[in-house]
Protein backbone atom coordinates (compact mmCIF):
# COMPACT_ATOMS: atom_id res chain seq x y z
CA MET A 1 -45.97 -41.51 -7.51
CA GLY A 2 -45.62 -39.29 -4.40
CA MET A 3 -48.07 -36.61 -3.39
CA SER A 4 -47.15 -32.98 -3.79
CA VAL A 5 -47.68 -30.27 -1.21
CA THR A 6 -50.36 -27.72 -2.07
CA ILE A 7 -50.91 -24.32 -0.48
CA SER A 8 -54.43 -22.99 -0.02
CA THR A 9 -56.58 -20.80 2.20
CA ALA A 10 -57.32 -22.35 5.58
CA VAL A 11 -60.93 -23.19 6.34
CA GLU A 12 -62.75 -23.57 9.67
CA ASP A 13 -62.16 -27.34 9.69
CA ASP A 14 -58.39 -26.72 9.61
CA ALA A 15 -58.31 -24.90 12.95
CA GLU A 16 -57.67 -27.93 15.15
CA LYS A 17 -55.08 -29.33 12.74
CA ILE A 18 -53.24 -26.00 12.66
CA LEU A 19 -53.29 -25.73 16.45
CA LYS A 20 -51.86 -29.24 16.88
CA LEU A 21 -49.14 -28.55 14.31
CA GLN A 22 -48.38 -25.20 15.96
CA TYR A 23 -47.98 -26.94 19.31
CA LEU A 24 -45.56 -29.46 17.78
CA CYS A 25 -43.55 -26.86 15.89
CA TYR A 26 -43.08 -24.42 18.76
CA GLN A 27 -41.65 -27.03 21.15
CA ARG A 28 -38.17 -26.36 19.75
CA GLU A 29 -38.54 -22.60 20.22
CA ALA A 30 -39.79 -23.09 23.78
CA GLU A 31 -36.80 -25.31 24.55
CA LEU A 32 -34.38 -22.87 22.91
CA TYR A 33 -35.59 -20.01 25.11
CA GLY A 34 -36.46 -22.04 28.21
CA ASP A 35 -40.07 -20.83 28.15
CA TYR A 36 -42.97 -23.21 27.59
CA GLY A 37 -45.50 -20.45 28.28
CA ILE A 38 -45.02 -18.76 24.89
CA GLU A 39 -48.23 -17.71 23.16
CA PRO A 40 -48.12 -20.30 20.35
CA LEU A 41 -48.13 -23.05 23.00
CA THR A 42 -50.92 -21.51 25.07
CA GLN A 43 -53.22 -20.26 22.30
CA THR A 44 -56.74 -21.66 22.52
CA LEU A 45 -58.73 -23.19 19.69
CA ASP A 46 -61.26 -20.35 19.97
CA ALA A 47 -58.50 -17.76 19.59
CA LEU A 48 -57.17 -19.53 16.51
CA ARG A 49 -60.67 -19.71 15.03
CA ALA A 50 -60.96 -15.94 15.55
CA GLU A 51 -57.69 -15.47 13.62
CA LEU A 52 -59.12 -17.52 10.76
CA GLY A 53 -61.97 -15.02 10.51
CA GLU A 54 -59.91 -11.84 10.92
CA GLY A 55 -56.79 -12.33 8.83
CA CYS A 56 -55.32 -14.34 6.02
CA VAL A 57 -54.39 -17.89 7.01
CA LEU A 58 -52.79 -20.31 4.57
CA VAL A 59 -52.11 -24.00 4.99
CA ALA A 60 -49.79 -26.40 3.22
CA ARG A 61 -51.27 -29.85 2.70
CA LEU A 62 -49.74 -33.16 1.87
CA GLY A 63 -52.85 -35.06 0.83
CA GLU A 64 -55.31 -34.31 3.65
CA GLU A 65 -52.61 -33.64 6.26
CA VAL A 66 -51.84 -30.04 7.22
CA VAL A 67 -48.02 -29.87 7.19
CA GLY A 68 -47.53 -26.10 7.31
CA SER A 69 -49.28 -22.82 7.94
CA VAL A 70 -48.73 -19.06 8.06
CA ARG A 71 -50.90 -16.09 9.06
CA GLY A 72 -50.98 -12.43 8.17
CA THR A 73 -52.93 -9.23 8.63
CA VAL A 74 -52.56 -5.78 7.10
CA ASP A 75 -52.74 -2.61 9.19
CA ALA A 76 -54.35 0.64 8.03
CA ASP A 77 -50.90 1.99 7.09
CA GLY A 78 -50.29 -0.95 4.73
CA THR A 79 -47.94 -2.93 6.96
CA ALA A 80 -48.52 -6.66 6.54
CA ARG A 81 -47.71 -8.44 9.79
CA ILE A 82 -46.78 -12.04 9.07
CA ALA A 83 -46.83 -14.52 11.95
CA LYS A 84 -46.67 -18.15 12.98
CA LEU A 85 -44.91 -19.59 9.97
CA ILE A 86 -44.82 -23.29 10.84
CA VAL A 87 -43.72 -26.41 8.97
CA HIS A 88 -43.97 -29.97 10.29
CA PRO A 89 -40.50 -31.07 11.48
CA ARG A 90 -40.33 -33.93 8.96
CA MET A 91 -41.05 -31.48 6.12
CA GLN A 92 -38.50 -28.83 7.13
CA ARG A 93 -35.45 -27.96 5.03
CA HIS A 94 -37.23 -28.71 1.74
CA GLY A 95 -38.29 -25.16 0.82
CA LEU A 96 -41.83 -25.31 2.19
CA GLY A 97 -41.33 -22.44 4.66
CA GLY A 98 -40.16 -20.21 1.82
CA ARG A 99 -43.09 -21.26 -0.35
CA LEU A 100 -45.56 -20.43 2.44
CA LEU A 101 -43.93 -17.07 3.11
CA ARG A 102 -43.94 -16.10 -0.58
CA ALA A 103 -47.57 -17.24 -0.91
CA ILE A 104 -48.79 -15.10 1.98
CA GLU A 105 -46.78 -12.12 0.74
CA GLU A 106 -48.42 -12.46 -2.68
CA ARG A 107 -51.87 -12.80 -1.14
CA LEU A 108 -51.50 -9.84 1.25
CA ALA A 109 -50.11 -7.58 -1.49
CA ALA A 110 -52.75 -8.53 -4.07
CA GLU A 111 -55.86 -8.70 -1.92
CA ARG A 112 -55.15 -6.45 1.07
CA GLU A 113 -52.93 -3.77 -0.49
CA ALA A 114 -49.87 -4.40 1.67
CA LYS A 115 -47.04 -1.90 1.13
CA ARG A 116 -44.45 -3.60 3.33
CA PHE A 117 -44.03 -6.91 5.10
CA GLN A 118 -43.02 -7.24 8.74
CA LEU A 119 -42.32 -10.28 10.90
CA PHE A 120 -40.38 -11.12 14.01
CA THR A 121 -38.48 -14.02 15.49
CA GLY A 122 -36.35 -14.75 18.51
CA HIS A 123 -32.72 -13.67 18.46
CA ARG A 124 -31.47 -17.28 18.81
CA SER A 125 -33.68 -18.68 16.04
CA GLU A 126 -30.86 -18.87 13.49
CA GLY A 127 -32.75 -20.97 10.94
CA ASN A 128 -35.62 -18.48 10.88
CA LEU A 129 -33.24 -15.51 10.62
CA ARG A 130 -31.40 -17.16 7.68
CA LEU A 131 -34.66 -17.91 5.86
CA TYR A 132 -35.98 -14.37 6.28
CA ARG A 133 -32.69 -12.78 5.16
CA ARG A 134 -32.55 -15.08 2.12
CA LEU A 135 -36.06 -13.91 1.17
CA GLY A 136 -35.09 -10.23 1.33
CA TYR A 137 -35.98 -9.24 4.89
CA ALA A 138 -33.70 -6.86 6.78
CA GLN A 139 -33.52 -6.36 10.53
CA THR A 140 -35.23 -3.13 11.61
CA GLY A 141 -35.30 -3.51 15.36
CA THR A 142 -34.74 -5.63 18.46
CA GLU A 143 -36.85 -5.64 21.60
CA GLN A 144 -35.70 -7.36 24.78
CA ILE A 145 -38.68 -9.27 26.16
CA ASN A 146 -36.87 -10.79 29.14
CA ARG A 147 -33.33 -11.83 30.01
CA ARG A 148 -33.59 -14.94 27.79
CA LEU A 149 -35.45 -13.53 24.79
CA SER A 150 -35.09 -10.62 22.42
CA LEU A 151 -37.44 -10.32 19.45
CA VAL A 152 -35.83 -9.37 16.16
CA THR A 153 -38.15 -7.39 13.87
CA MET A 154 -37.51 -7.74 10.13
CA GLU A 155 -39.12 -5.95 7.19
CA LYS A 156 -39.07 -5.69 3.44
CA PRO A 157 -41.03 -3.57 0.98
CA VAL A 158 -43.55 -5.07 -1.38
CA SER A 159 -41.70 -5.58 -4.65
CA SER A 160 -43.00 -3.62 -7.60
CA ALA A 161 -41.50 -6.18 -9.98
CA PRO A 162 -43.92 -8.74 -11.40
CA ALA A 163 -43.95 -11.91 -9.33
CA ALA A 164 -42.73 -15.17 -10.77
CA ALA A 165 -45.32 -17.89 -11.24
CA SER A 166 -47.25 -17.89 -8.00
CA SER A 167 -46.95 -20.99 -5.88
CA PHE A 168 -50.25 -19.98 -4.26
CA ALA A 169 -52.23 -19.29 -7.41
CA ALA A 170 -51.29 -22.62 -8.90
CA SER A 171 -52.75 -24.49 -5.98
CA ALA A 172 -55.60 -22.29 -4.75
């Protein structure tokens, strides 16, 4: 019988695993935009540990291995900023990114009173754009960072409809 992937809150001991996975996952983005100096590839372990203490960080585990992660914070105005959704390359295209995104949305709405969700991705990151659109996000802006990269900002309101069975709650 195969192991199933569970989603839970990241703990201090996950920091190094998350950073290594982040480094692996953002190689493709760096190649796509011709920029290996992007923040996810230069973030320090101390900076990631600080994020663990300040925001909401979830991990997806296959057994003991961290195979996915996502982070989020909520501003004073209720805007939940979701960032660094990562899934191990061998686990991509199996719905795990969507599960992680829904789990952090549920957590930020329930525990931190989020009123809307916001995230961003690069304009050439077609897989990310498709996933976010499929999950109800709409483009609200574009900011040109340099001649190779424009960031696409996407948002959606927190749904007032009751959530389906929570993928997070079942595994927390």
